[in-house]
Amino acid sequence: MRESKFKKIFIIISLIFVLVLPFSLKASGNANNNCIKVTVNQGDTLWKIAKEHKRENEDVRKLIYEIRKINKLDSAVIVPGQTLLIPQK
């Protein structure tokens, strides 16, 4: 009895995983496909890079948030030679 209950739970969890995984991979893949690579130069700041690459009427702060999220940055600190993905829409 108990074994069949665990089997049912395992099957349900497996189905959820199989159904959700392709969508999560597609979403993360699309983020990188719509990006350009920028190499940080001496004196660059995240604000400066975002301002140079922002879209018309876009808030620079929103783009900085997106850049940090895509590049998994814990802070706005960047260093020369670092490569950043910048989202393009």
PDB file of N, CA and C in Angstrom:
ATOM      1  N   MET A   1       0.830  -1.192   0.000  1.00  0.00           N
ATOM      2  CA  MET A   1       0.000   0.000   0.000  1.00  0.00           C
ATOM      3  C   MET A   1       0.873   1.252   0.000  1.00  0.00           C
ATOM      4  N   ARG A   2       1.798   1.281   0.937  1.00  0.00           N
ATOM      5  CA  ARG A   2       2.665   2.448   1.070  1.00  0.00           C
ATOM      6  C   ARG A   2       3.559   2.600  -0.161  1.00  0.00           C
ATOM      7  N   GLU A   3       4.021   1.476  -0.721  1.00  0.00           N
ATOM      8  CA  GLU A   3       4.890   1.503  -1.892  1.00  0.00           C
ATOM      9  C   GLU A   3       4.159   2.077  -3.100  1.00  0.00           C
ATOM     10  N   SER A   4       2.899   1.720  -3.280  1.00  0.00           N
ATOM     11  CA  SER A   4       2.147   2.229  -4.426  1.00  0.00           C
ATOM     12  C   SER A   4       1.893   3.738  -4.280  1.00  0.00           C
ATOM     13  N   LYS A   5       1.753   4.209  -3.061  1.00  0.00           N
ATOM     14  CA  LYS A   5       1.564   5.640  -2.814  1.00  0.00           C
ATOM     15  C   LYS A   5       2.825   6.413  -3.221  1.00  0.00           C
ATOM     16  N   PHE A   6       3.995   5.875  -2.861  1.00  0.00           N
ATOM     17  CA  PHE A   6       5.258   6.507  -3.241  1.00  0.00           C
ATOM     18  C   PHE A   6       5.453   6.477  -4.751  1.00  0.00           C
ATOM     19  N   LYS A   7       5.023   5.389  -5.396  1.00  0.00           N
ATOM     20  CA  LYS A   7       5.125   5.292  -6.849  1.00  0.00           C
ATOM     21  C   LYS A   7       4.278   6.372  -7.516  1.00  0.00           C
ATOM     22  N   LYS A   8       3.072   6.570  -7.020  1.00  0.00           N
ATOM     23  CA  LYS A   8       2.188   7.593  -7.582  1.00  0.00           C
ATOM     24  C   LYS A   8       2.787   8.984  -7.412  1.00  0.00           C
ATOM     25  N   ILE A   9       3.322   9.252  -6.228  1.00  0.00           N
ATOM     26  CA  ILE A   9       3.938  10.559  -5.972  1.00  0.00           C
ATOM     27  C   ILE A   9       5.148  10.748  -6.880  1.00  0.00           C
ATOM     28  N   PHE A  10       5.969   9.710  -7.024  1.00  0.00           N
ATOM     29  CA  PHE A  10       7.142   9.789  -7.887  1.00  0.00           C
ATOM     30  C   PHE A  10       6.742  10.054  -9.330  1.00  0.00           C
ATOM     31  N   ILE A  11       5.720   9.382  -9.800  1.00  0.00           N
ATOM     32  CA  ILE A  11       5.252   9.572 -11.186  1.00  0.00           C
ATOM     33  C   ILE A  11       4.727  10.986 -11.389  1.00  0.00           C
ATOM     34  N   ILE A  12       3.980  11.500 -10.442  1.00  0.00           N
ATOM     35  CA  ILE A  12       3.445  12.857 -10.548  1.00  0.00           C
ATOM     36  C   ILE A  12       4.582  13.881 -10.568  1.00  0.00           C
ATOM     37  N   ILE A  13       5.523  13.728  -9.673  1.00  0.00           N
ATOM     38  CA  ILE A  13       6.665  14.660  -9.628  1.00  0.00           C
ATOM     39  C   ILE A  13       7.479  14.560 -10.916  1.00  0.00           C
ATOM     40  N   SER A  14       7.684  13.353 -11.416  1.00  0.00           N
ATOM     41  CA  SER A  14       8.427  13.160 -12.664  1.00  0.00           C
ATOM     42  C   SER A  14       7.719  13.827 -13.838  1.00  0.00           C
ATOM     43  N   LEU A  15       6.406  13.678 -13.899  1.00  0.00           N
ATOM     44  CA  LEU A  15       5.637  14.304 -14.979  1.00  0.00           C
ATOM     45  C   LEU A  15       5.731  15.833 -14.916  1.00  0.00           C
ATOM     46  N   ILE A  16       5.616  16.359 -13.741  1.00  0.00           N
ATOM     47  CA  ILE A  16       5.733  17.813 -13.580  1.00  0.00           C
ATOM     48  C   ILE A  16       7.104  18.274 -14.041  1.00  0.00           C
ATOM     49  N   PHE A  17       8.147  17.566 -13.621  1.00  0.00           N
ATOM     50  CA  PHE A  17       9.505  17.919 -14.003  1.00  0.00           C
ATOM     51  C   PHE A  17       9.673  17.865 -15.525  1.00  0.00           C
ATOM     52  N   VAL A  18       9.193  16.803 -16.142  1.00  0.00           N
ATOM     53  CA  VAL A  18       9.331  16.625 -17.591  1.00  0.00           C
ATOM     54  C   VAL A  18       8.541  17.696 -18.353  1.00  0.00           C
ATOM     55  N   LEU A  19       7.404  18.081 -17.836  1.00  0.00           N
ATOM     56  CA  LEU A  19       6.588  19.079 -18.522  1.00  0.00           C
ATOM     57  C   LEU A  19       7.117  20.503 -18.337  1.00  0.00           C
ATOM     58  N   VAL A  20       7.736  20.797 -17.210  1.00  0.00           N
ATOM     59  CA  VAL A  20       8.192  22.153 -16.909  1.00  0.00           C
ATOM     60  C   VAL A  20       9.605  22.416 -17.434  1.00  0.00           C
ATOM     61  N   LEU A  21      10.460  21.422 -17.428  1.00  0.00           N
ATOM     62  CA  LEU A  21      11.861  21.602 -17.804  1.00  0.00           C
ATOM     63  C   LEU A  21      12.052  22.230 -19.186  1.00  0.00           C
ATOM     64  N   PRO A  22      11.383  21.768 -20.236  1.00  0.00           N
ATOM     65  CA  PRO A  22      11.614  22.379 -21.552  1.00  0.00           C
ATOM     66  C   PRO A  22      11.286  23.878 -21.586  1.00  0.00           C
ATOM     67  N   PHE A  23      10.269  24.297 -20.845  1.00  0.00           N
ATOM     68  CA  PHE A  23       9.912  25.711 -20.828  1.00  0.00           C
ATOM     69  C   PHE A  23      10.959  26.539 -20.097  1.00  0.00           C
ATOM     70  N   SER A  24      11.515  26.014 -19.024  1.00  0.00           N
ATOM     71  CA  SER A  24      12.532  26.763 -18.291  1.00  0.00           C
ATOM     72  C   SER A  24      13.820  26.845 -19.096  1.00  0.00           C
ATOM     73  N   LEU A  25      14.180  25.803 -19.821  1.00  0.00           N
ATOM     74  CA  LEU A  25      15.375  25.848 -20.659  1.00  0.00           C
ATOM     75  C   LEU A  25      15.198  26.817 -21.807  1.00  0.00           C
ATOM     76  N   LYS A  26      14.020  26.842 -22.391  1.00  0.00           N
ATOM     77  CA  LYS A  26      13.745  27.755 -23.494  1.00  0.00           C
ATOM     78  C   LYS A  26      13.834  29.202 -23.020  1.00  0.00           C
ATOM     79  N   ALA A  27      13.308  29.491 -21.845  1.00  0.00           N
ATOM     80  CA  ALA A  27      13.343  30.851 -21.313  1.00  0.00           C
ATOM     81  C   ALA A  27      14.764  31.299 -21.048  1.00  0.00           C
ATOM     82  N   SER A  28      15.601  30.450 -20.469  1.00  0.00           N
ATOM     83  CA  SER A  28      16.980  30.850 -20.188  1.00  0.00           C
ATOM     84  C   SER A  28      17.783  30.948 -21.473  1.00  0.00           C
ATOM     85  N   GLY A  29      17.495  30.122 -22.445  1.00  0.00           N
ATOM     86  CA  GLY A  29      18.195  30.187 -23.726  1.00  0.00           C
ATOM     87  C   GLY A  29      17.864  31.446 -24.485  1.00  0.00           C
ATOM     88  N   ASN A  30      16.608  31.878 -24.435  1.00  0.00           N
ATOM     89  CA  ASN A  30      16.206  33.083 -25.138  1.00  0.00           C
ATOM     90  C   ASN A  30      16.882  34.319 -24.574  1.00  0.00           C
ATOM     91  N   ALA A  31      17.119  34.333 -23.290  1.00  0.00           N
ATOM     92  CA  ALA A  31      17.767  35.493 -22.685  1.00  0.00           C
ATOM     93  C   ALA A  31      19.152  35.697 -23.278  1.00  0.00           C
ATOM     94  N   ASN A  32      19.900  34.618 -23.475  1.00  0.00           N
ATOM     95  CA  ASN A  32      21.244  34.728 -24.019  1.00  0.00           C
ATOM     96  C   ASN A  32      21.236  34.977 -25.514  1.00  0.00           C
ATOM     97  N   ASN A  33      20.221  34.510 -26.232  1.00  0.00           N
ATOM     98  CA  ASN A  33      20.158  34.709 -27.674  1.00  0.00           C
ATOM     99  C   ASN A  33      19.876  36.158 -28.026  1.00  0.00           C
ATOM    100  N   ASN A  34      19.226  36.892 -27.166  1.00  0.00           N
ATOM    101  CA  ASN A  34      18.882  38.284 -27.432  1.00  0.00           C
ATOM    102  C   ASN A  34      19.848  39.239 -26.744  1.00  0.00           C
ATOM    103  N   CYS A  35      21.094  38.805 -26.586  1.00  0.00           N
ATOM    104  CA  CYS A  35      22.089  39.617 -25.885  1.00  0.00           C
ATOM    105  C   CYS A  35      23.293  39.864 -26.783  1.00  0.00           C
ATOM    106  N   ILE A  36      23.986  40.954 -26.470  1.00  0.00           N
ATOM    107  CA  ILE A  36      25.285  41.194 -27.082  1.00  0.00           C
ATOM    108  C   ILE A  36      26.327  41.101 -25.980  1.00  0.00           C
ATOM    109  N   LYS A  37      27.559  40.791 -26.361  1.00  0.00           N
ATOM    110  CA  LYS A  37      28.653  40.710 -25.398  1.00  0.00           C
ATOM    111  C   LYS A  37      29.419  42.026 -25.412  1.00  0.00           C
ATOM    112  N   VAL A  38      29.682  42.531 -24.229  1.00  0.00           N
ATOM    113  CA  VAL A  38      30.431  43.773 -24.067  1.00  0.00           C
ATOM    114  C   VAL A  38      31.573  43.497 -23.104  1.00  0.00           C
ATOM    115  N   THR A  39      32.775  43.933 -23.493  1.00  0.00           N
ATOM    116  CA  THR A  39      33.930  43.804 -22.612  1.00  0.00           C
ATOM    117  C   THR A  39      34.101  45.108 -21.845  1.00  0.00           C
ATOM    118  N   VAL A  40      34.225  44.990 -20.543  1.00  0.00           N
ATOM    119  CA  VAL A  40      34.370  46.155 -19.667  1.00  0.00           C
ATOM    120  C   VAL A  40      35.761  46.761 -19.861  1.00  0.00           C
ATOM    121  N   ASN A  41      35.813  48.074 -20.076  1.00  0.00           N
ATOM    122  CA  ASN A  41      37.066  48.819 -20.216  1.00  0.00           C
ATOM    123  C   ASN A  41      37.366  49.573 -18.929  1.00  0.00           C
ATOM    124  N   GLN A  42      38.604  50.023 -18.807  1.00  0.00           N
ATOM    125  CA  GLN A  42      39.015  50.827 -17.656  1.00  0.00           C
ATOM    126  C   GLN A  42      38.102  52.055 -17.555  1.00  0.00           C
ATOM    127  N   GLY A  43      37.567  52.319 -16.385  1.00  0.00           N
ATOM    128  CA  GLY A  43      36.707  53.473 -16.162  1.00  0.00           C
ATOM    129  C   GLY A  43      35.230  53.226 -16.427  1.00  0.00           C
ATOM    130  N   ASP A  44      34.884  52.071 -16.972  1.00  0.00           N
ATOM    131  CA  ASP A  44      33.475  51.753 -17.217  1.00  0.00           C
ATOM    132  C   ASP A  44      32.762  51.476 -15.900  1.00  0.00           C
ATOM    133  N   THR A  45      31.504  51.828 -15.873  1.00  0.00           N
ATOM    134  CA  THR A  45      30.624  51.482 -14.764  1.00  0.00           C
ATOM    135  C   THR A  45      29.407  50.793 -15.358  1.00  0.00           C
ATOM    136  N   LEU A  46      28.686  50.093 -14.533  1.00  0.00           N
ATOM    137  CA  LEU A  46      27.472  49.438 -15.004  1.00  0.00           C
ATOM    138  C   LEU A  46      26.478  50.482 -15.508  1.00  0.00           C
ATOM    139  N   TRP A  47      26.423  51.613 -14.812  1.00  0.00           N
ATOM    140  CA  TRP A  47      25.523  52.691 -15.210  1.00  0.00           C
ATOM    141  C   TRP A  47      25.892  53.196 -16.607  1.00  0.00           C
ATOM    142  N   LYS A  48      27.184  53.428 -16.856  1.00  0.00           N
ATOM    143  CA  LYS A  48      27.659  53.942 -18.141  1.00  0.00           C
ATOM    144  C   LYS A  48      27.341  52.960 -19.275  1.00  0.00           C
ATOM    145  N   ILE A  49      27.617  51.680 -19.043  1.00  0.00           N
ATOM    146  CA  ILE A  49      27.352  50.663 -20.065  1.00  0.00           C
ATOM    147  C   ILE A  49      25.861  50.564 -20.344  1.00  0.00           C
ATOM    148  N   ALA A  50      25.053  50.562 -19.294  1.00  0.00           N
ATOM    149  CA  ALA A  50      23.598  50.473 -19.460  1.00  0.00           C
ATOM    150  C   ALA A  50      23.076  51.696 -20.208  1.00  0.00           C
ATOM    151  N   LYS A  51      23.595  52.864 -19.881  1.00  0.00           N
ATOM    152  CA  LYS A  51      23.153  54.097 -20.533  1.00  0.00           C
ATOM    153  C   LYS A  51      23.475  54.063 -22.028  1.00  0.00           C
ATOM    154  N   GLU A  52      24.627  53.509 -22.383  1.00  0.00           N
ATOM    155  CA  GLU A  52      25.033  53.412 -23.789  1.00  0.00           C
ATOM    156  C   GLU A  52      24.188  52.402 -24.570  1.00  0.00           C
ATOM    157  N   HIS A  53      23.658  51.393 -23.896  1.00  0.00           N
ATOM    158  CA  HIS A  53      22.943  50.315 -24.586  1.00  0.00           C
ATOM    159  C   HIS A  53      21.439  50.299 -24.328  1.00  0.00           C
ATOM    160  N   LYS A  54      20.944  51.254 -23.590  1.00  0.00           N
ATOM    161  CA  LYS A  54      19.506  51.243 -23.286  1.00  0.00           C
ATOM    162  C   LYS A  54      18.690  51.567 -24.528  1.00  0.00           C
ATOM    163  N   ARG A  55      17.474  51.070 -24.511  1.00  0.00           N
ATOM    164  CA  ARG A  55      16.549  51.349 -25.602  1.00  0.00           C
ATOM    165  C   ARG A  55      15.881  52.697 -25.357  1.00  0.00           C
ATOM    166  N   GLU A  56      15.341  53.270 -26.395  1.00  0.00           N
ATOM    167  CA  GLU A  56      14.686  54.569 -26.263  1.00  0.00           C
ATOM    168  C   GLU A  56      13.570  54.502 -25.230  1.00  0.00           C
ATOM    169  N   ASN A  57      13.507  55.486 -24.378  1.00  0.00           N
ATOM    170  CA  ASN A  57      12.497  55.591 -23.316  1.00  0.00           C
ATOM    171  C   ASN A  57      12.591  54.484 -22.266  1.00  0.00           C
ATOM    172  N   GLU A  58      13.735  53.805 -22.183  1.00  0.00           N
ATOM    173  CA  GLU A  58      13.909  52.771 -21.170  1.00  0.00           C
ATOM    174  C   GLU A  58      14.625  53.370 -19.964  1.00  0.00           C
ATOM    175  N   ASP A  59      14.200  52.981 -18.796  1.00  0.00           N
ATOM    176  CA  ASP A  59      14.834  53.415 -17.557  1.00  0.00           C
ATOM    177  C   ASP A  59      16.163  52.680 -17.400  1.00  0.00           C
ATOM    178  N   VAL A  60      17.242  53.436 -17.215  1.00  0.00           N
ATOM    179  CA  VAL A  60      18.578  52.853 -17.073  1.00  0.00           C
ATOM    180  C   VAL A  60      18.608  51.869 -15.912  1.00  0.00           C
ATOM    181  N   ARG A  61      17.904  52.177 -14.842  1.00  0.00           N
ATOM    182  CA  ARG A  61      17.903  51.296 -13.668  1.00  0.00           C
ATOM    183  C   ARG A  61      17.324  49.924 -13.988  1.00  0.00           C
ATOM    184  N   LYS A  62      16.320  49.885 -14.853  1.00  0.00           N
ATOM    185  CA  LYS A  62      15.725  48.610 -15.246  1.00  0.00           C
ATOM    186  C   LYS A  62      16.737  47.779 -16.038  1.00  0.00           C
ATOM    187  N   LEU A  63      17.467  48.435 -16.945  1.00  0.00           N
ATOM    188  CA  LEU A  63      18.467  47.710 -17.728  1.00  0.00           C
ATOM    189  C   LEU A  63      19.603  47.224 -16.828  1.00  0.00           C
ATOM    190  N   ILE A  64      20.018  48.019 -15.859  1.00  0.00           N
ATOM    191  CA  ILE A  64      21.060  47.590 -14.922  1.00  0.00           C
ATOM    192  C   ILE A  64      20.588  46.343 -14.173  1.00  0.00           C
ATOM    193  N   TYR A  65      19.341  46.343 -13.750  1.00  0.00           N
ATOM    194  CA  TYR A  65      18.780  45.172 -13.062  1.00  0.00           C
ATOM    195  C   TYR A  65      18.852  43.943 -13.973  1.00  0.00           C
ATOM    196  N   GLU A  66      18.461  44.103 -15.242  1.00  0.00           N
ATOM    197  CA  GLU A  66      18.477  42.985 -16.187  1.00  0.00           C
ATOM    198  C   GLU A  66      19.905  42.493 -16.428  1.00  0.00           C
ATOM    199  N   ILE A  67      20.849  43.425 -16.572  1.00  0.00           N
ATOM    200  CA  ILE A  67      22.250  43.046 -16.789  1.00  0.00           C
ATOM    201  C   ILE A  67      22.764  42.257 -15.593  1.00  0.00           C
ATOM    202  N   ARG A  68      22.477  42.743 -14.396  1.00  0.00           N
ATOM    203  CA  ARG A  68      22.936  42.046 -13.190  1.00  0.00           C
ATOM    204  C   ARG A  68      22.318  40.655 -13.099  1.00  0.00           C
ATOM    205  N   LYS A  69      21.052  40.540 -13.447  1.00  0.00           N
ATOM    206  CA  LYS A  69      20.354  39.260 -13.376  1.00  0.00           C
ATOM    207  C   LYS A  69      20.934  38.265 -14.392  1.00  0.00           C
ATOM    208  N   ILE A  70      21.091  38.697 -15.636  1.00  0.00           N
ATOM    209  CA  ILE A  70      21.601  37.816 -16.690  1.00  0.00           C
ATOM    210  C   ILE A  70      23.023  37.366 -16.398  1.00  0.00           C
ATOM    211  N   ASN A  71      23.837  38.277 -15.881  1.00  0.00           N
ATOM    212  CA  ASN A  71      25.242  37.980 -15.618  1.00  0.00           C
ATOM    213  C   ASN A  71      25.503  37.455 -14.207  1.00  0.00           C
ATOM    214  N   LYS A  72      24.427  37.289 -13.432  1.00  0.00           N
ATOM    215  CA  LYS A  72      24.505  36.767 -12.069  1.00  0.00           C
ATOM    216  C   LYS A  72      25.475  37.578 -11.216  1.00  0.00           C
ATOM    217  N   LEU A  73      25.319  38.902 -11.279  1.00  0.00           N
ATOM    218  CA  LEU A  73      26.162  39.806 -10.498  1.00  0.00           C
ATOM    219  C   LEU A  73      25.492  40.089  -9.160  1.00  0.00           C
ATOM    220  N   ASP A  74      26.233  39.939  -8.075  1.00  0.00           N
ATOM    221  CA  ASP A  74      25.710  40.227  -6.742  1.00  0.00           C
ATOM    222  C   ASP A  74      25.687  41.722  -6.452  1.00  0.00           C
ATOM    223  N   SER A  75      26.513  42.468  -7.181  1.00  0.00           N
ATOM    224  CA  SER A  75      26.565  43.916  -6.990  1.00  0.00           C
ATOM    225  C   SER A  75      26.824  44.575  -8.339  1.00  0.00           C
ATOM    226  N   ALA A  76      26.934  45.889  -8.322  1.00  0.00           N
ATOM    227  CA  ALA A  76      27.186  46.634  -9.554  1.00  0.00           C
ATOM    228  C   ALA A  76      28.675  46.791  -9.830  1.00  0.00           C
ATOM    229  N   VAL A  77      29.511  46.104  -9.070  1.00  0.00           N
ATOM    230  CA  VAL A  77      30.958  46.194  -9.254  1.00  0.00           C
ATOM    231  C   VAL A  77      31.365  45.361 -10.467  1.00  0.00           C
ATOM    232  N   ILE A  78      32.044  46.016 -11.417  1.00  0.00           N
ATOM    233  CA  ILE A  78      32.570  45.339 -12.600  1.00  0.00           C
ATOM    234  C   ILE A  78      34.052  45.694 -12.731  1.00  0.00           C
ATOM    235  N   VAL A  79      34.797  44.852 -13.444  1.00  0.00           N
ATOM    236  CA  VAL A  79      36.237  45.067 -13.572  1.00  0.00           C
ATOM    237  C   VAL A  79      36.643  45.032 -15.042  1.00  0.00           C
ATOM    238  N   PRO A  80      37.696  45.794 -15.397  1.00  0.00           N
ATOM    239  CA  PRO A  80      38.187  45.781 -16.773  1.00  0.00           C
ATOM    240  C   PRO A  80      38.513  44.353 -17.237  1.00  0.00           C
ATOM    241  N   GLY A  81      38.134  44.055 -18.477  1.00  0.00           N
ATOM    242  CA  GLY A  81      38.356  42.728 -19.043  1.00  0.00           C
ATOM    243  C   GLY A  81      37.183  41.772 -18.858  1.00  0.00           C
ATOM    244  N   GLN A  82      36.290  42.128 -17.966  1.00  0.00           N
ATOM    245  CA  GLN A  82      35.099  41.301 -17.713  1.00  0.00           C
ATOM    246  C   GLN A  82      34.175  41.390 -18.913  1.00  0.00           C
ATOM    247  N   THR A  83      33.563  40.273 -19.293  1.00  0.00           N
ATOM    248  CA  THR A  83      32.607  40.250 -20.393  1.00  0.00           C
ATOM    249  C   THR A  83      31.198  40.207 -19.812  1.00  0.00           C
ATOM    250  N   LEU A  84      30.342  41.081 -20.297  1.00  0.00           N
ATOM    251  CA  LEU A  84      28.952  41.155 -19.834  1.00  0.00           C
ATOM    252  C   LEU A  84      28.009  40.873 -20.997  1.00  0.00           C
ATOM    253  N   LEU A  85      26.918  40.196 -20.696  1.00  0.00           N
ATOM    254  CA  LEU A  85      25.836  40.032 -21.670  1.00  0.00           C
ATOM    255  C   LEU A  85      24.865  41.184 -21.447  1.00  0.00           C
ATOM    256  N   ILE A  86      24.541  41.895 -22.518  1.00  0.00           N
ATOM    257  CA  ILE A  86      23.616  43.025 -22.459  1.00  0.00           C
ATOM    258  C   ILE A  86      22.370  42.650 -23.257  1.00  0.00           C
ATOM    259  N   PRO A  87      21.197  42.630 -22.622  1.00  0.00           N
ATOM    260  CA  PRO A  87      19.972  42.253 -23.346  1.00  0.00           C
ATOM    261  C   PRO A  87      19.605  43.281 -24.407  1.00  0.00           C
ATOM    262  N   GLN A  88      19.184  42.775 -25.559  1.00  0.00           N
ATOM    263  CA  GLN A  88      18.723  43.603 -26.668  1.00  0.00           C
ATOM    264  C   GLN A  88      17.308  43.168 -27.025  1.00  0.00           C
ATOM    265  N   LYS A  89      16.413  44.118 -27.154  1.00  0.00           N
ATOM    266  CA  LYS A  89      15.026  43.769 -27.502  1.00  0.00           C
ATOM    267  C   LYS A  89      14.669  44.364 -28.839  1.00  0.00           C
TER     268      LYS A  89
END
